[in-house]
Amino acid sequence: MQLSSVDLNLLVVLDALLEEGSVTRAAHRLNLSVPATSRALGRLRRAFQDPLLARSGRGLQPTAVALDLRPRLRLWLEQAEELLDRDARPLARSLTVVAPQDLILTWSDRLLARLSAAAPAAQLRLLAADGGRDGADAVRDGTADLALIVNAAKYPGLHSLGLFRAGLTVVVRAGHELTRGGAVTAERFAAAGHVLVSRSGRPDSALDRELHEAGHPRTVRCVVPGYLAALHLASRTDLVAIAPAALVGELADTLGLAPVEAPTGLRPLRVTQVWHPRREQDPLVRLLRSTLTALADELAGPTDGRPHGGLTA
């Protein structure tokens, strides 16, 4: 398809159709007649050689081709509007970040303060990651501009940059048996009931394998998907929890938790920022990435540090 052979106004129609899922609503939004909008959809289908929208129930659902086009189309339209509007403010839009809830709790205020200073017209939208949806998926389909991922895998086709390593702390409720009686040996530690954080639901971890090899397998009584749930459970039971030191610092006093010395080394968590190449030159996403990097360097404590490795694709 040659650009010169396509009416670029059709892309505005396509954006409205994908947003509304209805020819009638798209026509109303664009101040066009329904027949004109329907004819435009026909021209779009011929240009892309794909139905783009297929009827489903009372509305229209995008095809796989349309889903792939949507984030790139939205970015192109934003850039076109900025190009044509001499008074446009390119940093005046929303930024969507997918991140674990514990990172949102410990970082969001400082991230928002820095972004507000650098881009006061921008809006920050934070979406909580969960076990059913990887942040990388949200970056791929355009739902998010960037994802913060713990112990990230390799994501083909995406860019990533390590931010920091987060140290872990063992905590129990105040007055727990492990807070009394001297040093917490591997035997005492393993004998206590534990709550394990696993976003995938797996009932063991590298620590469990290490303790098992040492002859002190621990007893995991409960598996939860996030650190906030683990800390609340530890505060109300005799279960032992392991959580990021920064999160423990935020909540220990409020929840009545006490840190205890781990009998073995705890591997820190690797936190990585991940984004799509189509957002590589987006000025607001570039600002977000540099802000996160600077914030990570500033907040890294004695048990934290920058991960090895750099940009990957």
Protein backbone atom coordinates (compact mmCIF):
# COMPACT_ATOMS: atom_id res chain seq x y z
CA MET A 1 0.00 0.00 0.00
CA GLN A 2 1.39 3.44 -0.97
CA LEU A 3 0.77 6.38 1.33
CA SER A 4 -0.10 8.63 -1.61
CA SER A 5 -2.99 6.34 -2.54
CA VAL A 6 -4.69 6.53 0.88
CA ASP A 7 -6.91 9.30 2.23
CA LEU A 8 -5.33 9.87 5.66
CA ASN A 9 -8.69 11.05 7.01
CA LEU A 10 -9.68 7.41 6.87
CA LEU A 11 -7.26 6.72 9.71
CA VAL A 12 -9.19 9.17 11.90
CA VAL A 13 -12.34 7.21 11.08
CA LEU A 14 -10.60 3.93 11.88
CA ASP A 15 -9.48 5.27 15.27
CA ALA A 16 -13.06 6.28 16.11
CA LEU A 17 -14.44 2.92 14.96
CA LEU A 18 -11.94 1.01 17.10
CA GLU A 19 -12.67 3.24 20.08
CA GLU A 20 -16.48 3.09 19.80
CA GLY A 21 -17.02 -0.43 18.40
CA SER A 22 -20.00 0.92 16.49
CA VAL A 23 -20.47 2.63 13.12
CA THR A 24 -23.32 4.74 14.53
CA ARG A 25 -21.38 5.96 17.57
CA ALA A 26 -18.26 6.60 15.48
CA ALA A 27 -20.32 8.63 13.00
CA HIS A 28 -21.80 10.71 15.84
CA ARG A 29 -18.36 11.29 17.34
CA LEU A 30 -16.93 12.43 13.98
CA ASN A 31 -20.04 14.46 13.02
CA LEU A 32 -20.50 12.29 9.91
CA SER A 33 -23.52 10.46 8.56
CA VAL A 34 -23.81 6.75 9.24
CA PRO A 35 -23.70 5.87 5.51
CA ALA A 36 -20.54 7.98 5.04
CA THR A 37 -18.88 6.26 8.00
CA SER A 38 -19.93 2.85 6.67
CA ARG A 39 -18.44 3.69 3.26
CA ALA A 40 -15.22 4.79 4.95
CA LEU A 41 -15.04 1.43 6.74
CA GLY A 42 -15.41 -0.31 3.39
CA ARG A 43 -12.52 1.70 1.95
CA LEU A 44 -10.41 0.89 5.01
CA ARG A 45 -11.14 -2.81 4.61
CA ARG A 46 -10.01 -2.71 1.01
CA ALA A 47 -6.89 -0.70 1.85
CA PHE A 48 -5.81 -3.07 4.62
CA GLN A 49 -7.21 -6.20 2.94
CA ASP A 50 -8.82 -7.21 6.23
CA PRO A 51 -12.33 -6.87 7.74
CA LEU A 52 -10.79 -4.83 10.63
CA LEU A 53 -14.08 -4.99 12.57
CA ALA A 54 -16.37 -8.00 12.75
CA ARG A 55 -19.89 -8.08 14.13
CA SER A 56 -20.19 -9.64 17.58
CA GLY A 57 -23.53 -9.43 19.36
CA ARG A 58 -24.73 -5.81 19.22
CA GLY A 59 -21.35 -4.30 18.43
CA LEU A 60 -18.19 -4.65 16.37
CA GLN A 61 -15.05 -6.39 17.61
CA PRO A 62 -11.58 -5.64 16.17
CA THR A 63 -9.79 -8.36 14.23
CA ALA A 64 -6.23 -9.41 15.01
CA VAL A 65 -4.95 -7.02 12.33
CA ALA A 66 -6.89 -4.12 13.88
CA LEU A 67 -5.61 -4.94 17.37
CA ASP A 68 -2.06 -4.82 16.02
CA LEU A 69 -2.72 -1.50 14.26
CA ARG A 70 -4.49 0.22 17.16
CA PRO A 71 -1.58 1.35 19.38
CA ARG A 72 0.49 2.45 16.38
CA LEU A 73 -2.48 4.29 14.91
CA ARG A 74 -3.11 6.12 18.20
CA LEU A 75 0.53 7.16 18.45
CA TRP A 76 0.56 8.35 14.83
CA LEU A 77 -2.59 10.44 15.36
CA GLU A 78 -1.17 12.01 18.53
CA GLN A 79 2.01 12.95 16.69
CA ALA A 80 0.03 14.30 13.73
CA GLU A 81 -2.04 16.50 16.03
CA GLU A 82 1.11 17.85 17.66
CA LEU A 83 2.65 18.51 14.25
CA LEU A 84 -0.37 20.49 13.04
CA ASP A 85 -1.06 22.38 16.27
CA ARG A 86 1.61 25.02 16.81
CA ASP A 87 0.41 25.52 20.38
CA ALA A 88 0.23 21.80 21.15
CA ARG A 89 1.82 20.59 24.34
CA PRO A 90 3.35 17.19 23.51
CA LEU A 91 3.62 16.27 27.20
CA ALA A 92 -0.06 16.94 27.92
CA ARG A 93 -1.52 13.42 27.92
CA SER A 94 -1.80 10.36 30.12
CA LEU A 95 0.97 7.88 30.83
CA THR A 96 -0.01 4.33 31.76
CA VAL A 97 2.34 2.17 33.82
CA VAL A 98 1.72 -1.42 34.88
CA ALA A 99 3.52 -2.36 38.11
CA PRO A 100 3.24 -4.65 41.14
CA GLN A 101 1.13 -3.17 43.92
CA ASP A 102 4.03 -2.99 46.37
CA LEU A 103 6.03 -0.84 43.95
CA ILE A 104 3.02 1.41 43.40
CA LEU A 105 2.74 1.85 47.16
CA THR A 106 6.39 2.67 47.78
CA TRP A 107 7.22 4.66 44.62
CA SER A 108 4.09 6.36 43.27
CA ASP A 109 4.27 9.55 45.36
CA ARG A 110 7.87 10.31 44.40
CA LEU A 111 7.35 9.33 40.77
CA LEU A 112 4.27 11.56 40.54
CA ALA A 113 6.11 14.49 42.15
CA ARG A 114 8.96 14.28 39.64
CA LEU A 115 6.68 13.89 36.64
CA SER A 116 4.47 16.75 37.81
CA ALA A 117 7.50 19.02 38.00
CA ALA A 118 8.78 18.05 34.54
CA ALA A 119 5.42 17.67 32.75
CA PRO A 120 2.67 19.36 34.80
CA ALA A 121 -0.01 18.69 32.16
CA ALA A 122 0.63 14.94 32.04
CA GLN A 123 -1.54 12.42 33.91
CA LEU A 124 -0.11 9.27 35.50
CA ARG A 125 -2.24 6.11 35.36
CA LEU A 126 -1.02 3.17 37.43
CA LEU A 127 -2.38 -0.31 36.79
CA ALA A 128 -1.66 -3.16 39.19
CA ALA A 129 0.04 -6.21 37.70
CA ASP A 130 -1.38 -9.58 38.69
CA GLY A 131 -0.69 -13.23 38.07
CA GLY A 132 -3.12 -13.43 35.19
CA ARG A 133 -1.66 -10.62 33.07
CA ASP A 134 2.01 -9.92 32.53
CA GLY A 135 2.98 -6.27 32.21
CA ALA A 136 4.80 -7.17 29.00
CA ASP A 137 1.47 -8.14 27.41
CA ALA A 138 0.03 -4.73 28.29
CA VAL A 139 3.05 -3.06 26.69
CA ARG A 140 2.71 -5.16 23.55
CA ASP A 141 -0.99 -4.45 22.98
CA GLY A 142 -0.70 -0.76 23.80
CA THR A 143 -2.67 -0.87 27.06
CA ALA A 144 0.41 0.46 28.86
CA ASP A 145 3.25 2.76 27.87
CA LEU A 146 5.67 1.00 30.22
CA ALA A 147 5.76 -1.87 32.69
CA LEU A 148 7.79 -2.41 35.84
CA ILE A 149 8.44 -6.14 36.10
CA VAL A 150 10.02 -8.12 38.93
CA ASN A 151 12.55 -10.77 37.86
CA ALA A 152 11.70 -10.12 34.22
CA ALA A 153 12.23 -12.75 31.56
CA LYS A 154 13.54 -12.01 28.08
CA TYR A 155 10.77 -10.44 26.02
CA PRO A 156 11.41 -10.70 22.26
CA GLY A 157 10.52 -7.52 20.44
CA LEU A 158 10.50 -5.34 23.56
CA HIS A 159 13.11 -3.03 25.06
CA SER A 160 14.11 -3.37 28.71
CA LEU A 161 16.45 -1.71 31.17
CA GLY A 162 17.30 -2.91 34.67
CA LEU A 163 16.42 -0.39 37.39
CA PHE A 164 17.59 -1.83 40.71
CA ARG A 165 17.82 -4.87 42.93
CA ALA A 166 15.44 -4.77 45.91
CA GLY A 167 16.64 -6.36 49.14
CA LEU A 168 14.28 -8.62 51.09
CA THR A 169 13.44 -8.72 54.79
CA VAL A 170 11.95 -11.46 56.99
CA VAL A 171 9.10 -10.22 59.19
CA VAL A 172 6.75 -11.64 61.80
CA ARG A 173 4.10 -10.14 64.05
CA ALA A 174 5.30 -8.40 67.20
CA GLY A 175 5.76 -10.96 69.98
CA HIS A 176 6.24 -13.87 67.59
CA GLU A 177 8.34 -16.78 68.88
CA LEU A 178 11.14 -15.93 66.43
CA THR A 179 11.58 -12.52 68.09
CA ARG A 180 12.56 -14.27 71.33
CA GLY A 181 15.13 -16.87 72.31
CA GLY A 182 18.27 -15.69 70.57
CA ALA A 183 19.52 -16.28 67.04
CA VAL A 184 17.11 -17.47 64.36
CA THR A 185 18.73 -20.70 63.20
CA ALA A 186 17.82 -22.42 59.96
CA GLU A 187 16.05 -25.08 62.02
CA ARG A 188 13.89 -22.55 63.92
CA PHE A 189 13.21 -20.59 60.76
CA ALA A 190 12.12 -23.66 58.78
CA ALA A 191 9.98 -25.05 61.62
CA ALA A 192 7.77 -21.94 61.67
CA GLY A 193 4.81 -21.70 59.31
CA HIS A 194 5.39 -19.45 56.30
CA VAL A 195 3.37 -17.43 53.82
CA LEU A 196 4.95 -17.53 50.35
CA VAL A 197 4.53 -14.86 47.69
CA SER A 198 4.17 -16.36 44.22
CA ARG A 199 2.45 -14.57 41.36
CA SER A 200 2.38 -17.85 39.42
CA GLY A 201 1.02 -19.83 42.37
CA ARG A 202 4.04 -22.14 42.64
CA PRO A 203 4.34 -23.44 46.23
CA ASP A 204 8.14 -23.22 46.42
CA SER A 205 11.04 -20.92 45.60
CA ALA A 206 14.83 -20.87 45.35
CA LEU A 207 14.94 -20.38 49.13
CA ASP A 208 12.89 -23.54 49.66
CA ARG A 209 15.25 -25.54 47.48
CA GLU A 210 18.24 -24.17 49.42
CA LEU A 211 16.71 -24.98 52.80
CA HIS A 212 15.72 -28.45 51.61
CA GLU A 213 19.27 -29.19 50.48
CA ALA A 214 20.50 -28.03 53.91
CA GLY A 215 18.15 -30.50 55.59
CA HIS A 216 15.70 -27.87 56.87
CA PRO A 217 12.69 -27.74 54.54
CA ARG A 218 10.28 -25.02 55.57
CA THR A 219 6.52 -25.41 55.94
CA VAL A 220 4.56 -23.16 53.60
CA ARG A 221 1.05 -22.79 55.00
CA CYS A 222 -0.27 -20.30 52.47
CA VAL A 223 0.60 -18.98 48.99
CA VAL A 224 -0.51 -15.45 48.04
CA PRO A 225 -0.03 -13.43 44.83
CA GLY A 226 1.51 -10.28 46.35
CA TYR A 227 3.59 -8.87 49.18
CA LEU A 228 0.81 -6.68 50.61
CA ALA A 229 -1.32 -9.76 51.23
CA ALA A 230 1.65 -11.58 52.78
CA LEU A 231 2.39 -8.75 55.22
CA HIS A 232 -1.24 -8.43 56.31
CA LEU A 233 -1.43 -12.19 56.84
CA ALA A 234 1.79 -12.21 58.87
CA SER A 235 0.47 -9.38 61.06
CA ARG A 236 -2.63 -11.40 62.00
CA THR A 237 -1.16 -14.90 62.34
CA ASP A 238 2.03 -16.67 63.38
CA LEU A 239 3.15 -17.01 59.76
CA VAL A 240 6.54 -15.75 58.66
CA ALA A 241 6.67 -13.48 55.60
CA ILE A 242 9.49 -12.32 53.34
CA ALA A 243 8.97 -8.98 51.59
CA PRO A 244 10.92 -6.09 50.02
CA ALA A 245 12.72 -4.05 52.65
CA ALA A 246 11.23 -0.78 51.32
CA LEU A 247 7.69 -2.10 51.69
CA VAL A 248 8.41 -3.41 55.18
CA GLY A 249 9.75 0.03 56.11
CA GLU A 250 6.50 1.62 54.95
CA LEU A 251 4.13 -0.76 56.75
CA ALA A 252 5.92 -2.42 59.69
CA ASP A 253 4.78 0.07 62.35
CA THR A 254 1.23 0.29 61.01
CA LEU A 255 0.81 -3.49 60.88
CA GLY A 256 2.74 -4.27 64.05
CA LEU A 257 5.46 -6.27 62.31
CA ALA A 258 8.98 -6.95 63.51
CA PRO A 259 11.96 -7.83 61.29
CA VAL A 260 14.05 -10.89 62.16
CA GLU A 261 17.44 -11.97 60.87
CA ALA A 262 17.28 -14.51 58.07
CA PRO A 263 19.42 -17.63 58.68
CA THR A 264 20.47 -17.67 55.03
CA GLY A 265 21.07 -15.15 52.30
CA LEU A 266 17.98 -13.88 50.49
CA ARG A 267 18.31 -13.24 46.79
CA PRO A 268 17.22 -9.68 45.96
CA LEU A 269 14.47 -9.01 43.45
CA ARG A 270 15.42 -7.56 40.04
CA VAL A 271 13.16 -4.71 38.96
CA THR A 272 13.18 -3.90 35.24
CA GLN A 273 11.37 -1.33 33.12
CA VAL A 274 10.00 -2.66 29.83
CA TRP A 275 8.58 -0.73 26.86
CA HIS A 276 7.74 -1.23 23.19
CA PRO A 277 10.03 0.03 20.42
CA ARG A 278 7.13 2.05 18.98
CA ARG A 279 7.34 4.22 22.14
CA GLU A 280 11.12 4.59 21.93
CA GLN A 281 11.03 8.18 20.65
CA ASP A 282 7.85 9.26 22.42
CA PRO A 283 8.98 12.34 24.42
CA LEU A 284 6.74 11.63 27.41
CA VAL A 285 7.74 7.95 27.63
CA ARG A 286 11.39 8.96 27.35
CA LEU A 287 10.84 11.36 30.25
CA LEU A 288 9.17 8.57 32.22
CA ARG A 289 12.06 6.17 31.62
CA SER A 290 14.71 8.72 32.61
CA THR A 291 12.68 9.70 35.68
CA LEU A 292 12.39 6.07 36.81
CA THR A 293 16.11 5.51 36.28
CA ALA A 294 17.06 8.61 38.29
CA LEU A 295 14.59 7.68 41.03
CA ALA A 296 15.98 4.14 41.22
CA ASP A 297 19.53 5.47 41.58
CA GLU A 298 18.44 7.87 44.31
CA LEU A 299 16.36 5.41 46.32
CA ALA A 300 18.70 2.41 46.12
CA GLY A 301 19.63 1.58 49.69
CA PRO A 302 22.52 -0.42 51.12
CA THR A 303 20.79 -3.71 50.28
CA ASP A 304 19.71 -2.52 46.86
CA GLY A 305 21.67 -1.82 43.71
CA ARG A 306 21.52 -1.46 39.97
CA PRO A 307 21.29 -4.79 38.14
CA HIS A 308 23.98 -5.70 35.69
CA GLY A 309 23.11 -5.48 32.03
CA GLY A 310 21.68 -2.72 29.93
CA LEU A 311 19.20 -2.17 27.17
CA THR A 312 17.93 -5.28 25.43
CA ALA A 313 15.50 -5.84 22.62
